[in-house]
């Protein structure tokens, strides 16, 4: 998946693994799980502090050059068009993803307008 809309029902598109050989981040559709990102109630575009605040499992900075600044619930993406799910739209940008096996990853997240 690239975005939550690639998934069925209430499933979310989230990072699953990292292929060291190809440097490819693998994302999969999964149901939100207790204690993990995607367990919050905040809707897309709502203010958040961490991913688990958001029903989408993504809490992105409003200003990508200030990753510790104000944040809003967002979604994963592959193109800018994927960000149309946000109330005011957004721009798809590569941001720091999870560190897997001591390797930092980049994942496409919508930067909310």
Protein backbone atom coordinates (compact mmCIF):
# COMPACT_ATOMS: atom_id res chain seq x y z
CA UNK A 1 0.00 0.00 0.00
CA UNK A 2 0.94 3.64 -0.39
CA UNK A 3 -1.96 5.24 1.45
CA UNK A 4 -4.78 4.31 3.82
CA UNK A 5 -7.28 4.32 0.95
CA UNK A 6 -5.42 1.35 -0.57
CA UNK A 7 -6.66 -0.66 2.41
CA UNK A 8 -10.09 -2.10 3.09
CA UNK A 9 -12.45 -1.24 5.91
CA UNK A 10 -10.78 0.45 8.88
CA UNK A 11 -7.32 -0.93 8.07
CA UNK A 12 -4.42 1.53 7.90
CA UNK A 13 -1.31 1.53 5.68
CA UNK A 14 1.72 1.36 7.93
CA UNK A 15 5.42 0.50 7.84
CA UNK A 16 6.00 -3.23 8.25
CA UNK A 17 9.62 -3.96 7.42
CA UNK A 18 12.76 -2.78 5.67
CA UNK A 19 14.51 -4.77 2.96
CA UNK A 20 18.22 -4.19 3.62
CA UNK A 21 19.28 -5.53 0.22
CA UNK A 22 17.10 -3.13 -1.78
CA UNK A 23 16.76 -0.34 0.84
CA UNK A 24 13.01 -0.61 0.29
CA UNK A 25 10.50 0.17 3.04
CA UNK A 26 7.66 -2.35 3.01
CA UNK A 27 4.24 -0.99 4.00
CA UNK A 28 1.20 -3.20 4.60
CA UNK A 29 -2.47 -2.81 5.43
CA UNK A 30 -3.33 -3.86 8.96
CA UNK A 31 -6.02 -3.30 11.53
CA UNK A 32 -5.15 -0.79 14.25
CA UNK A 33 -3.90 -2.63 17.34
CA UNK A 34 -3.98 -1.67 21.01
CA UNK A 35 -0.84 0.15 22.09
CA UNK A 36 0.30 0.82 18.53
CA UNK A 37 -0.01 3.73 16.14
CA UNK A 38 -3.52 4.03 14.82
CA UNK A 39 -5.28 3.45 18.14
CA UNK A 40 -6.17 7.10 18.81
CA UNK A 41 -9.39 8.85 17.94
CA UNK A 42 -8.01 12.04 16.38
CA UNK A 43 -9.15 12.55 12.78
CA UNK A 44 -7.02 13.56 9.80
CA UNK A 45 -5.94 17.20 10.22
CA UNK A 46 -6.40 17.24 14.01
CA UNK A 47 -3.54 18.36 16.27
CA UNK A 48 -1.39 15.52 17.68
CA UNK A 49 1.85 14.90 19.51
CA UNK A 50 2.52 11.23 18.71
CA UNK A 51 1.31 8.72 16.11
CA UNK A 52 -0.86 6.83 18.58
CA UNK A 53 -3.01 9.99 19.01
CA UNK A 54 -4.28 9.52 15.46
CA UNK A 55 -6.73 7.02 14.01
CA UNK A 56 -4.50 6.97 10.90
CA UNK A 57 -1.36 6.13 12.87
CA UNK A 58 0.54 9.09 11.37
CA UNK A 59 1.33 12.36 13.18
CA UNK A 60 3.28 14.60 10.78
CA UNK A 61 4.99 17.94 11.37
CA UNK A 62 3.32 20.94 9.75
CA UNK A 63 6.79 22.25 8.89
CA UNK A 64 9.13 19.43 7.78
CA UNK A 65 12.17 21.57 8.60
CA UNK A 66 10.96 21.65 12.23
CA UNK A 67 10.19 18.00 13.09
CA UNK A 68 9.65 18.82 16.78
CA UNK A 69 7.17 21.65 16.06
CA UNK A 70 3.39 21.58 15.70
CA UNK A 71 1.99 18.36 14.25
CA UNK A 72 -1.28 17.13 12.73
CA UNK A 73 -2.76 13.70 12.12
CA UNK A 74 -1.84 12.71 8.60
CA UNK A 75 -1.51 9.66 6.37
CA UNK A 76 1.14 7.83 4.38
CA UNK A 77 1.53 8.67 0.71
CA UNK A 78 3.40 8.08 -2.51
CA UNK A 79 2.27 11.20 -4.43
CA UNK A 80 0.80 14.61 -3.58
CA UNK A 81 -2.58 13.37 -4.84
CA UNK A 82 -2.67 10.92 -1.92
CA UNK A 83 -2.84 13.90 0.45
CA UNK A 84 -6.29 14.94 -0.78
CA UNK A 85 -7.68 12.87 2.12
CA UNK A 86 -6.54 15.63 4.51
CA UNK A 87 -9.17 18.34 5.19
CA UNK A 88 -7.00 21.10 3.64
CA UNK A 89 -4.87 18.82 1.46
CA UNK A 90 -1.12 18.51 1.76
CA UNK A 91 2.17 17.63 0.12
CA UNK A 92 3.79 14.18 0.08
CA UNK A 93 7.30 14.37 1.53
CA UNK A 94 9.82 11.75 2.65
CA UNK A 95 10.21 11.95 6.42
CA UNK A 96 12.17 9.90 8.91
CA UNK A 97 10.50 6.55 9.37
CA UNK A 98 11.29 3.88 11.92
CA UNK A 99 14.80 2.63 12.54
CA UNK A 100 14.87 -1.04 11.59
CA UNK A 101 17.94 -3.16 12.34
CA UNK A 102 19.92 0.04 13.08
CA UNK A 103 19.03 1.45 9.65
CA UNK A 104 17.14 4.75 9.43
CA UNK A 105 14.30 4.73 6.93
CA UNK A 106 12.38 7.35 4.97
CA UNK A 107 8.63 7.04 4.51
CA UNK A 108 6.26 9.22 2.47
CA UNK A 109 3.93 11.18 4.76
CA UNK A 110 1.49 13.94 3.89
CA UNK A 111 2.54 17.33 5.24
CA UNK A 112 -0.78 19.00 6.11
CA UNK A 113 -1.57 22.41 4.59
